[in-house]
Amino acid sequence: MGGMPSTRDLRRRAPWSLVPIVALLIAGCGLDGSDSGVRALVPATTSPGAEFDGADVEMAPEQSLDGGGGSGGVAVLPDLPEAPPPHLPQASLPPRDALPVELPTTAAVVGDSLTESAEAEIAAYLEGLGIDVVAIDGAENRRIARGDGPDPGIDIVGRIAEVAQPELWVIALGTNDVGAEVSPERFGDDVADLLAAIPADAPVVWVDIWIRDRQSQVETANAVLRETLGQRADSMIADWFVHGDEPGIITADGVHLTEDGRYVFAATIAAATVALFA
């Protein structure tokens, strides 16, 4: 990366990230800023798009769950959030002395609109584990390896890999692929293709899928995801599906994150990371 400064030089650490909090994160996660100077190392591929109005959404094949999307400049995270609200015990960080001795020092995160909405929380939780987020890129409409929306995840992985060598990759994709009604075989092939784009020795955390109104398709996709990821060493599923029906976590559209949901989503990623290196 040459003379590029690390994000530890660019971002203030979340004020709550080093405070020992009750160690409920792993049990609760169902395991199987604006002026802060935080920037992705790759161009963002999203601009604010249409939001769902809370009504049930009927989707035709190849239609995304995420609404609009476009292309933009370099992503800038907002200020890191305050401590998770006390009514969210499943969003607590473990005490520092309960963390694995060997955790990665850097990570890259690639996702869709869920990641986009929770970028600050994800960065704060990973920073709370002592992990620098060298790149984070979430975009509406993004699919794993293809599609007519923003550049797919496989392309973003390639761009990040050209300029950085993160020790951990966090992938939160698949929601829009299920929304596009891809076949299980094609879904598995796309997951495998994206994994092949990540250096073979790099650990991977992949967040699984929740869509309230597509439970059968989601369960099939999650099974394919687990099977495919299981063929790669040093990999872990972050079980987001287990949180889908918790009150106050998902918006009325059955897909996107509430304010509380952003904390729980980020905590789910952090919990899977801890479990992977335990």
Protein backbone atom coordinates (compact mmCIF):
# COMPACT_ATOMS: atom_id res chain seq x y z
CA MET A 1 0.00 0.00 0.00
CA GLY A 2 3.06 2.21 -0.19
CA GLY A 3 2.83 5.35 1.88
CA MET A 4 -0.93 5.15 2.40
CA PRO A 5 -1.81 5.89 6.05
CA SER A 6 -3.68 3.23 7.97
CA THR A 7 -7.23 3.86 9.04
CA ARG A 8 -5.97 3.79 12.61
CA ASP A 9 -4.33 7.11 11.72
CA LEU A 10 -7.47 8.35 9.98
CA ARG A 11 -10.27 7.49 12.35
CA ARG A 12 -10.95 8.13 15.99
CA ARG A 13 -11.85 5.00 17.89
CA ALA A 14 -15.41 4.66 19.15
CA PRO A 15 -15.50 5.92 22.74
CA TRP A 16 -17.24 2.74 23.91
CA SER A 17 -15.11 0.26 22.02
CA LEU A 18 -12.60 -0.37 24.78
CA VAL A 19 -15.07 -0.48 27.68
CA PRO A 20 -15.69 -4.01 29.03
CA ILE A 21 -19.39 -4.71 28.48
CA VAL A 22 -21.36 -7.82 29.45
CA ALA A 23 -20.23 -10.67 27.18
CA LEU A 24 -23.57 -11.45 25.59
CA LEU A 25 -22.50 -10.87 22.01
CA ILE A 26 -21.74 -14.43 20.95
CA ALA A 27 -24.74 -15.99 22.64
CA GLY A 28 -27.02 -13.28 21.31
CA CYS A 29 -25.81 -13.51 17.72
CA GLY A 30 -26.77 -17.14 17.07
CA LEU A 31 -23.43 -18.31 15.72
CA ASP A 32 -23.39 -21.94 13.68
CA GLY A 33 -17.42 9.70 9.98
CA SER A 34 -18.57 12.87 8.22
CA ASP A 35 -15.38 14.72 9.34
CA SER A 36 -13.62 11.73 10.80
CA GLY A 37 -11.64 11.03 7.65
CA VAL A 38 -12.81 7.43 7.27
CA ARG A 39 -12.66 6.53 3.61
CA ALA A 40 -12.98 3.42 1.56
CA LEU A 41 -9.92 2.71 -0.55
CA VAL A 42 -12.09 2.04 -3.60
CA PRO A 43 -14.70 4.24 -5.28
CA ALA A 44 -18.17 3.87 -3.86
CA THR A 45 -20.76 2.77 -6.38
CA THR A 46 -23.90 4.10 -4.80
CA SER A 47 -25.92 7.22 -4.34
CA PRO A 48 -29.06 7.63 -2.24
CA GLY A 49 -31.91 5.78 -3.91
CA ALA A 50 -35.57 5.08 -3.41
CA GLU A 51 -36.69 3.89 0.00
CA PHE A 52 -39.49 1.42 0.59
CA ASP A 53 -42.66 2.90 2.03
CA GLY A 54 -43.26 0.02 4.42
CA ALA A 55 -45.78 -1.82 2.24
CA ASP A 56 -45.24 -5.39 1.08
CA VAL A 57 -43.17 -5.34 -2.08
CA GLU A 58 -43.89 -7.55 -5.06
CA MET A 59 -40.76 -8.30 -7.03
CA ALA A 60 -40.44 -9.70 -10.50
CA PRO A 61 -37.51 -11.95 -11.42
CA GLU A 62 -34.21 -10.01 -11.69
CA GLN A 63 -35.64 -7.14 -9.62
CA SER A 64 -33.55 -6.07 -6.66
CA LEU A 65 -34.74 -5.64 -3.11
CA ASP A 66 -32.64 -2.56 -2.66
CA GLY A 67 -34.28 0.08 -4.77
CA GLY A 68 -32.21 2.44 -6.86
CA GLY A 69 -28.49 2.85 -7.13
CA GLY A 70 -25.92 4.70 -9.10
CA SER A 71 -22.30 5.64 -8.99
CA GLY A 72 -20.52 8.13 -6.85
CA GLY A 73 -17.17 9.16 -5.43
CA VAL A 74 -15.17 7.89 -2.51
CA ALA A 75 -17.33 6.72 0.37
CA VAL A 76 -16.98 8.68 3.61
CA LEU A 77 -18.31 7.23 6.83
CA PRO A 78 -20.20 9.39 9.29
CA ASP A 79 -18.91 9.86 12.80
CA LEU A 80 -18.76 6.62 14.71
CA PRO A 81 -21.88 5.97 16.78
CA GLU A 82 -22.33 6.20 20.49
CA ALA A 83 -22.53 3.09 22.66
CA PRO A 84 -25.30 0.66 21.72
CA PRO A 85 -28.50 1.35 23.65
CA PRO A 86 -28.84 -0.65 26.89
CA HIS A 87 -32.02 -2.31 25.60
CA LEU A 88 -29.90 -4.16 23.00
CA PRO A 89 -27.94 -6.74 25.04
CA GLN A 90 -27.36 -8.77 21.86
CA ALA A 91 -25.39 -5.80 20.53
CA SER A 92 -22.84 -5.72 23.36
CA LEU A 93 -19.13 -6.17 22.86
CA PRO A 94 -17.30 -8.84 24.87
CA PRO A 95 -14.75 -7.71 27.47
CA ARG A 96 -11.32 -7.15 26.01
CA ASP A 97 -9.83 -9.96 28.10
CA ALA A 98 -12.37 -12.39 26.60
CA LEU A 99 -11.20 -11.81 23.02
CA PRO A 100 -9.04 -14.30 21.12
CA VAL A 101 -5.32 -13.62 21.40
CA GLU A 102 -4.85 -13.65 17.63
CA LEU A 103 -7.31 -11.43 15.82
CA PRO A 104 -6.67 -9.92 12.38
CA THR A 105 -5.38 -6.37 12.34
CA THR A 106 -7.13 -5.27 9.13
CA ALA A 107 -10.42 -6.01 7.39
CA ALA A 108 -12.37 -5.12 4.27
CA VAL A 109 -16.17 -5.16 4.15
CA VAL A 110 -18.26 -5.54 0.98
CA GLY A 111 -22.04 -5.57 1.05
CA ASP A 112 -25.35 -4.22 -0.19
CA SER A 113 -27.76 -1.66 1.27
CA LEU A 114 -27.74 -3.29 4.71
CA THR A 115 -24.00 -2.73 4.90
CA GLU A 116 -24.40 0.76 3.46
CA SER A 117 -26.83 1.73 6.22
CA ALA A 118 -24.66 0.24 8.98
CA GLU A 119 -21.20 1.27 7.76
CA ALA A 120 -20.44 3.37 10.83
CA GLU A 121 -21.62 0.67 13.25
CA ILE A 122 -19.68 -2.08 11.45
CA ALA A 123 -16.52 0.04 11.48
CA ALA A 124 -16.99 0.82 15.18
CA TYR A 125 -17.49 -2.80 16.20
CA LEU A 126 -14.49 -4.05 14.22
CA GLU A 127 -12.39 -1.19 15.55
CA GLY A 128 -13.58 -2.23 19.00
CA LEU A 129 -11.93 -5.60 18.36
CA GLY A 130 -8.72 -3.82 17.39
CA ILE A 131 -9.26 -4.37 13.66
CA ASP A 132 -8.63 -1.52 11.21
CA VAL A 133 -11.24 -1.32 8.46
CA VAL A 134 -9.13 -0.54 5.38
CA ALA A 135 -12.14 -0.51 3.03
CA ILE A 136 -15.90 -0.67 3.42
CA ASP A 137 -18.26 -0.54 0.45
CA GLY A 138 -22.01 -1.08 0.62
CA ALA A 139 -24.37 -0.26 -2.23
CA GLU A 140 -28.07 -0.55 -2.97
CA ASN A 141 -28.99 -3.21 -5.54
CA ARG A 142 -25.61 -4.93 -5.24
CA ARG A 143 -25.50 -8.61 -6.02
CA ILE A 144 -22.73 -11.15 -5.58
CA ALA A 145 -21.27 -11.56 -9.04
CA ARG A 146 -23.65 -10.19 -11.69
CA GLY A 147 -26.70 -8.00 -12.25
CA ASP A 148 -27.65 -4.71 -13.88
CA GLY A 149 -27.28 -2.58 -10.75
CA PRO A 150 -24.09 -1.25 -9.19
CA ASP A 151 -20.84 -3.11 -9.66
CA PRO A 152 -21.23 -6.56 -8.11
CA GLY A 153 -19.35 -7.68 -5.03
CA ILE A 154 -16.82 -9.68 -7.00
CA ASP A 155 -15.67 -6.50 -8.78
CA ILE A 156 -15.37 -4.56 -5.52
CA VAL A 157 -13.32 -7.36 -3.99
CA GLY A 158 -10.97 -7.19 -6.96
CA ARG A 159 -10.53 -3.43 -6.63
CA ILE A 160 -9.79 -3.62 -2.94
CA ALA A 161 -7.32 -6.45 -3.48
CA GLU A 162 -5.43 -4.27 -5.96
CA VAL A 163 -4.63 -1.66 -3.31
CA ALA A 164 -4.79 -3.48 0.03
CA GLN A 165 -4.21 -6.87 1.60
CA PRO A 166 -6.76 -7.08 4.42
CA GLU A 167 -6.26 -9.96 6.82
CA LEU A 168 -10.04 -10.50 7.02
CA TRP A 169 -12.80 -10.17 4.43
CA VAL A 170 -16.39 -9.55 5.53
CA ILE A 171 -18.98 -10.21 2.81
CA ALA A 172 -22.65 -9.32 3.33
CA LEU A 173 -24.26 -10.17 0.00
CA GLY A 174 -27.00 -12.43 -1.33
CA THR A 175 -30.18 -10.56 -0.42
CA ASN A 176 -30.55 -9.09 -3.88
CA ASP A 177 -29.68 -12.39 -5.53
CA VAL A 178 -32.55 -14.04 -3.71
CA GLY A 179 -34.72 -11.06 -4.67
CA ALA A 180 -33.78 -11.67 -8.29
CA GLU A 181 -34.91 -15.29 -7.93
CA VAL A 182 -31.65 -16.82 -9.07
CA SER A 183 -31.53 -20.60 -8.95
CA PRO A 184 -29.75 -22.32 -6.05
CA GLU A 185 -27.15 -23.64 -8.51
CA ARG A 186 -26.43 -20.18 -9.87
CA PHE A 187 -26.38 -18.74 -6.36
CA GLY A 188 -23.80 -21.31 -5.29
CA ASP A 189 -21.67 -20.66 -8.38
CA ASP A 190 -21.71 -16.91 -7.70
CA VAL A 191 -20.68 -17.42 -4.07
CA ALA A 192 -17.86 -19.71 -5.19
CA ASP A 193 -16.71 -17.20 -7.81
CA LEU A 194 -16.55 -14.37 -5.29
CA LEU A 195 -14.68 -16.55 -2.79
CA ALA A 196 -12.19 -17.41 -5.53
CA ALA A 197 -11.51 -13.69 -5.99
CA ILE A 198 -10.39 -13.42 -2.35
CA PRO A 199 -6.82 -14.58 -1.63
CA ALA A 200 -6.94 -18.24 -0.66
CA ASP A 201 -5.20 -17.70 2.68
CA ALA A 202 -7.48 -14.85 3.79
CA PRO A 203 -10.19 -15.66 6.37
CA VAL A 204 -13.77 -14.83 5.37
CA VAL A 205 -16.88 -13.93 7.38
CA TRP A 206 -20.05 -14.02 5.26
CA VAL A 207 -23.35 -12.64 6.59
CA ASP A 208 -26.32 -14.82 5.68
CA ILE A 209 -29.73 -13.62 4.51
CA TRP A 210 -33.09 -12.63 5.98
CA ILE A 211 -36.13 -11.64 3.90
CA ARG A 212 -39.40 -11.85 5.78
CA ASP A 213 -41.60 -12.62 2.80
CA ARG A 214 -39.26 -15.10 1.09
CA GLN A 215 -38.52 -17.58 3.82
CA SER A 216 -38.36 -20.69 1.63
CA GLN A 217 -35.99 -19.10 -0.88
CA VAL A 218 -33.87 -17.62 1.90
CA GLU A 219 -33.53 -20.92 3.72
CA THR A 220 -32.44 -22.61 0.49
CA ALA A 221 -29.93 -19.85 -0.27
CA ASN A 222 -28.53 -19.91 3.26
CA ALA A 223 -28.08 -23.69 3.03
CA VAL A 224 -26.20 -23.28 -0.26
CA LEU A 225 -24.11 -20.50 1.28
CA ARG A 226 -23.14 -22.69 4.23
CA GLU A 227 -22.30 -25.62 2.00
CA THR A 228 -20.17 -23.50 -0.32
CA LEU A 229 -18.41 -21.61 2.45
CA GLY A 230 -17.78 -24.89 4.24
CA GLN A 231 -15.43 -25.87 1.43
CA ARG A 232 -13.10 -23.00 2.32
CA ALA A 233 -10.76 -23.06 5.28
CA ASP A 234 -10.91 -20.22 7.81
CA SER A 235 -14.44 -19.14 7.05
CA MET A 236 -17.48 -18.38 9.19
CA ILE A 237 -21.15 -17.59 8.67
CA ALA A 238 -22.45 -14.55 10.55
CA ASP A 239 -25.98 -15.70 11.35
CA TRP A 240 -28.15 -12.70 10.58
CA PHE A 241 -31.16 -14.91 9.81
CA VAL A 242 -31.58 -15.73 13.49
CA HIS A 243 -32.28 -12.06 14.24
CA GLY A 244 -34.79 -11.48 11.46
CA ASP A 245 -37.94 -11.85 13.52
CA GLU A 246 -36.69 -10.02 16.60
CA PRO A 247 -38.88 -6.98 17.28
CA GLY A 248 -37.49 -3.62 16.33
CA ILE A 249 -34.59 -4.91 14.23
CA ILE A 250 -36.05 -5.01 10.69
CA THR A 251 -38.11 -2.26 9.06
CA ALA A 252 -41.65 -2.77 7.79
CA ASP A 253 -40.40 -3.92 4.39
CA GLY A 254 -39.08 -7.11 5.99
CA VAL A 255 -35.51 -6.58 4.77
CA HIS A 256 -33.79 -3.38 5.83
CA LEU A 257 -32.36 -2.31 9.18
CA THR A 258 -33.87 -0.07 11.81
CA GLU A 259 -31.57 2.10 13.90
CA ASP A 260 -31.39 -0.69 16.49
CA GLY A 261 -30.94 -3.22 13.70
CA ARG A 262 -27.77 -1.50 12.54
CA TYR A 263 -26.16 -2.18 15.91
CA VAL A 264 -27.26 -5.80 15.96
CA PHE A 265 -26.12 -6.32 12.36
CA ALA A 266 -22.67 -4.99 13.23
CA ALA A 267 -22.54 -7.03 16.42
CA THR A 268 -23.39 -10.16 14.45
CA ILE A 269 -20.36 -9.54 12.24
CA ALA A 270 -18.14 -8.92 15.26
CA ALA A 271 -19.38 -12.08 16.97
CA ALA A 272 -18.64 -14.22 13.91
CA THR A 273 -15.17 -12.69 13.71
CA VAL A 274 -14.48 -13.53 17.35
CA ALA A 275 -15.74 -17.08 16.84
CA LEU A 276 -13.63 -17.58 13.70
CA PHE A 277 -10.43 -16.76 15.55
CA ALA A 278 -11.30 -18.30 18.92
